[in-house]
Amino acid sequence: NTEDITLLEKEIDIMVSALPPLKSFVLPGGTLLNSHCHVARCVCRRAERLATGLSESEWVEPMVLIYLNRLSDYLFMLARHACFVRNITETPGGQEFRIFITIQKNTCFFQFNLHIFAALKN
């Protein structure tokens, strides 16, 4: 219901206000808790994609889609916050992300060139 969504949004806002700004994407990992939060976020995103796909052919309560979206955002912020309160540096993602788009006969082809430069810590 809307109260659950509002609670998630308030908790997200509290964590955002305590965290340094995000300057690049972050790689999952750091601690066991942090990793579990990232895995839970991925599972939540998968559920969101499945529910969205289902909503194209069946009725799905719109609040379910909103809740899943906010929950995955909450889990991402919780992972970041878990590192922050334990003074663990997040592992930054790559500095370069380029998308090349070629349009041929009304079809778009996307080529992703992603370089990740990160020192993965044990």
C-alpha atoms as a PDB file:
ATOM      1  CA  ASN A   1       0.000   0.000   0.000  1.00  0.00           C
ATOM      2  CA  THR A   2       1.019   3.628  -0.190  1.00  0.00           C
ATOM      3  CA  GLU A   3       2.157   3.682   3.457  1.00  0.00           C
ATOM      4  CA  ASP A   4       4.757   0.991   2.732  1.00  0.00           C
ATOM      5  CA  ILE A   5       6.018   2.912  -0.283  1.00  0.00           C
ATOM      6  CA  THR A   6       6.174   6.133   1.728  1.00  0.00           C
ATOM      7  CA  LEU A   7       8.135   4.357   4.472  1.00  0.00           C
ATOM      8  CA  LEU A   8      10.676   3.068   1.923  1.00  0.00           C
ATOM      9  CA  GLU A   9      11.030   6.537   0.428  1.00  0.00           C
ATOM     10  CA  LYS A  10      11.589   8.111   3.851  1.00  0.00           C
ATOM     11  CA  GLU A  11      14.236   5.531   4.725  1.00  0.00           C
ATOM     12  CA  ILE A  12      15.936   6.103   1.346  1.00  0.00           C
ATOM     13  CA  ASP A  13      15.984   9.860   1.997  1.00  0.00           C
ATOM     14  CA  ILE A  14      17.547   9.342   5.443  1.00  0.00           C
ATOM     15  CA  MET A  15      20.328   7.184   3.982  1.00  0.00           C
ATOM     16  CA  VAL A  16      20.923   9.536   1.038  1.00  0.00           C
ATOM     17  CA  SER A  17      21.362  12.479   3.390  1.00  0.00           C
ATOM     18  CA  ALA A  18      24.079  10.607   5.320  1.00  0.00           C
ATOM     19  CA  LEU A  19      26.009   9.304   2.300  1.00  0.00           C
ATOM     20  CA  PRO A  20      28.556  11.058   0.090  1.00  0.00           C
ATOM     21  CA  PRO A  21      27.328  11.751  -3.451  1.00  0.00           C
ATOM     22  CA  LEU A  22      27.621   8.899  -5.914  1.00  0.00           C
ATOM     23  CA  LYS A  23      30.233   9.824  -8.566  1.00  0.00           C
ATOM     24  CA  SER A  24      30.214   6.556 -10.527  1.00  0.00           C
ATOM     25  CA  PHE A  25      28.407   3.289 -10.390  1.00  0.00           C
ATOM     26  CA  VAL A  26      29.589   0.910  -7.695  1.00  0.00           C
ATOM     27  CA  LEU A  27      30.434  -2.747  -7.933  1.00  0.00           C
ATOM     28  CA  PRO A  28      28.710  -5.145  -5.525  1.00  0.00           C
ATOM     29  CA  GLY A  29      30.803  -6.468  -2.690  1.00  0.00           C
ATOM     30  CA  GLY A  30      32.720  -5.156   0.260  1.00  0.00           C
ATOM     31  CA  THR A  31      31.223  -7.127   3.117  1.00  0.00           C
ATOM     32  CA  LEU A  32      28.902 -10.089   3.421  1.00  0.00           C
ATOM     33  CA  LEU A  33      26.033  -7.799   4.459  1.00  0.00           C
ATOM     34  CA  ASN A  34      26.703  -5.454   1.549  1.00  0.00           C
ATOM     35  CA  SER A  35      26.825  -8.381  -0.889  1.00  0.00           C
ATOM     36  CA  HIS A  36      23.556  -9.786   0.444  1.00  0.00           C
ATOM     37  CA  CYS A  37      21.886  -6.402  -0.050  1.00  0.00           C
ATOM     38  CA  HIS A  38      23.074  -6.284  -3.671  1.00  0.00           C
ATOM     39  CA  VAL A  39      21.871  -9.846  -4.328  1.00  0.00           C
ATOM     40  CA  ALA A  40      18.481  -9.017  -2.784  1.00  0.00           C
ATOM     41  CA  ARG A  41      18.311  -5.910  -4.989  1.00  0.00           C
ATOM     42  CA  CYS A  42      18.992  -7.990  -8.096  1.00  0.00           C
ATOM     43  CA  VAL A  43      16.283 -10.488  -7.148  1.00  0.00           C
ATOM     44  CA  CYS A  44      13.892  -7.595  -6.521  1.00  0.00           C
ATOM     45  CA  ARG A  45      14.695  -6.067  -9.943  1.00  0.00           C
ATOM     46  CA  ARG A  46      14.058  -9.447 -11.553  1.00  0.00           C
ATOM     47  CA  ALA A  47      10.670  -9.634  -9.799  1.00  0.00           C
ATOM     48  CA  GLU A  48       9.928  -6.103 -11.017  1.00  0.00           C
ATOM     49  CA  ARG A  49      10.749  -7.035 -14.615  1.00  0.00           C
ATOM     50  CA  LEU A  50       8.610 -10.176 -14.407  1.00  0.00           C
ATOM     51  CA  ALA A  51       5.681  -8.284 -12.870  1.00  0.00           C
ATOM     52  CA  THR A  52       5.991  -5.583 -15.530  1.00  0.00           C
ATOM     53  CA  GLY A  53       5.979  -8.231 -18.253  1.00  0.00           C
ATOM     54  CA  LEU A  54       2.975  -9.918 -16.681  1.00  0.00           C
ATOM     55  CA  SER A  55       1.145  -6.579 -16.543  1.00  0.00           C
ATOM     56  CA  GLU A  56       1.227  -6.458 -20.338  1.00  0.00           C
ATOM     57  CA  SER A  57      -1.110  -9.460 -20.548  1.00  0.00           C
ATOM     58  CA  GLU A  58      -2.757  -9.666 -17.090  1.00  0.00           C
ATOM     59  CA  TRP A  59      -3.961  -7.184 -14.513  1.00  0.00           C
ATOM     60  CA  VAL A  60      -1.307  -6.394 -11.916  1.00  0.00           C
ATOM     61  CA  GLU A  61      -1.946  -4.051  -9.038  1.00  0.00           C
ATOM     62  CA  PRO A  62      -0.018  -0.869 -10.004  1.00  0.00           C
ATOM     63  CA  MET A  63       1.159  -0.382  -6.409  1.00  0.00           C
ATOM     64  CA  VAL A  64       3.011  -3.709  -6.662  1.00  0.00           C
ATOM     65  CA  LEU A  65       5.163  -2.347  -9.489  1.00  0.00           C
ATOM     66  CA  ILE A  66       5.828   0.880  -7.626  1.00  0.00           C
ATOM     67  CA  TYR A  67       6.664  -0.998  -4.423  1.00  0.00           C
ATOM     68  CA  LEU A  68       9.106  -3.353  -6.172  1.00  0.00           C
ATOM     69  CA  ASN A  69      10.832  -0.372  -7.779  1.00  0.00           C
ATOM     70  CA  ARG A  70      11.166   1.490  -4.485  1.00  0.00           C
ATOM     71  CA  LEU A  71      12.270  -1.670  -2.661  1.00  0.00           C
ATOM     72  CA  SER A  72      15.117  -2.238  -5.103  1.00  0.00           C
ATOM     73  CA  ASP A  73      16.203   1.396  -4.666  1.00  0.00           C
ATOM     74  CA  TYR A  74      16.034   0.935  -0.900  1.00  0.00           C
ATOM     75  CA  LEU A  75      18.210  -2.193  -1.068  1.00  0.00           C
ATOM     76  CA  PHE A  76      20.800  -0.348  -3.173  1.00  0.00           C
ATOM     77  CA  MET A  77      20.946   2.501  -0.656  1.00  0.00           C
ATOM     78  CA  LEU A  78      21.076  -0.003   2.216  1.00  0.00           C
ATOM     79  CA  ALA A  79      24.107  -1.657   0.603  1.00  0.00           C
ATOM     80  CA  ARG A  80      25.832   1.718   0.288  1.00  0.00           C
ATOM     81  CA  HIS A  81      24.866   2.687   3.822  1.00  0.00           C
ATOM     82  CA  ALA A  82      26.179  -0.627   5.205  1.00  0.00           C
ATOM     83  CA  CYS A  83      29.608   0.188   3.768  1.00  0.00           C
ATOM     84  CA  PHE A  84      29.475   3.793   4.931  1.00  0.00           C
ATOM     85  CA  VAL A  85      28.677   3.099   8.588  1.00  0.00           C
ATOM     86  CA  ARG A  86      31.463   0.502   8.713  1.00  0.00           C
ATOM     87  CA  ASN A  87      33.924   2.879   7.023  1.00  0.00           C
ATOM     88  CA  ILE A  88      34.401   0.499   4.088  1.00  0.00           C
ATOM     89  CA  THR A  89      35.237   2.087   0.743  1.00  0.00           C
ATOM     90  CA  GLU A  90      32.833   1.151  -2.026  1.00  0.00           C
ATOM     91  CA  THR A  91      34.421  -0.341  -5.130  1.00  0.00           C
ATOM     92  CA  PRO A  92      33.857   2.165  -7.949  1.00  0.00           C
ATOM     93  CA  GLY A  93      32.948   1.011 -11.420  1.00  0.00           C
ATOM     94  CA  GLY A  94      34.655   2.029 -14.614  1.00  0.00           C
ATOM     95  CA  GLN A  95      35.281   5.546 -15.716  1.00  0.00           C
ATOM     96  CA  GLU A  96      34.194   4.990 -19.288  1.00  0.00           C
ATOM     97  CA  PHE A  97      30.775   4.070 -20.621  1.00  0.00           C
ATOM     98  CA  ARG A  98      29.960   4.723 -24.246  1.00  0.00           C
ATOM     99  CA  ILE A  99      26.926   3.748 -26.308  1.00  0.00           C
ATOM    100  CA  PHE A 100      27.088   3.703 -30.089  1.00  0.00           C
ATOM    101  CA  ILE A 101      23.779   3.642 -31.943  1.00  0.00           C
ATOM    102  CA  THR A 102      23.447   2.709 -35.601  1.00  0.00           C
ATOM    103  CA  ILE A 103      20.086   3.049 -37.317  1.00  0.00           C
ATOM    104  CA  GLN A 104      19.494   0.839 -40.323  1.00  0.00           C
ATOM    105  CA  LYS A 105      16.061   0.340 -41.900  1.00  0.00           C
ATOM    106  CA  ASN A 106      14.121   1.471 -38.826  1.00  0.00           C
ATOM    107  CA  THR A 107      16.091  -0.833 -36.526  1.00  0.00           C
ATOM    108  CA  CYS A 108      18.422   0.396 -33.816  1.00  0.00           C
ATOM    109  CA  PHE A 109      21.509  -1.621 -33.014  1.00  0.00           C
ATOM    110  CA  PHE A 110      23.203  -0.860 -29.747  1.00  0.00           C
ATOM    111  CA  GLN A 111      26.852  -1.558 -29.084  1.00  0.00           C
ATOM    112  CA  PHE A 112      28.041  -1.135 -25.542  1.00  0.00           C
ATOM    113  CA  ASN A 113      31.670  -0.431 -24.810  1.00  0.00           C
ATOM    114  CA  LEU A 114      32.180  -0.695 -21.089  1.00  0.00           C
ATOM    115  CA  HIS A 115      35.563  -0.649 -19.398  1.00  0.00           C
ATOM    116  CA  ILE A 116      35.733  -1.433 -15.724  1.00  0.00           C
ATOM    117  CA  PHE A 117      38.842  -0.328 -13.855  1.00  0.00           C
ATOM    118  CA  ALA A 118      38.590  -1.418 -10.279  1.00  0.00           C
ATOM    119  CA  ALA A 119      40.817  -3.004  -7.717  1.00  0.00           C
ATOM    120  CA  LEU A 120      38.641  -5.712  -6.245  1.00  0.00           C
ATOM    121  CA  LYS A 121      39.353  -6.139  -2.589  1.00  0.00           C
ATOM    122  CA  ASN A 122      39.129  -9.406  -0.685  1.00  0.00           C
END
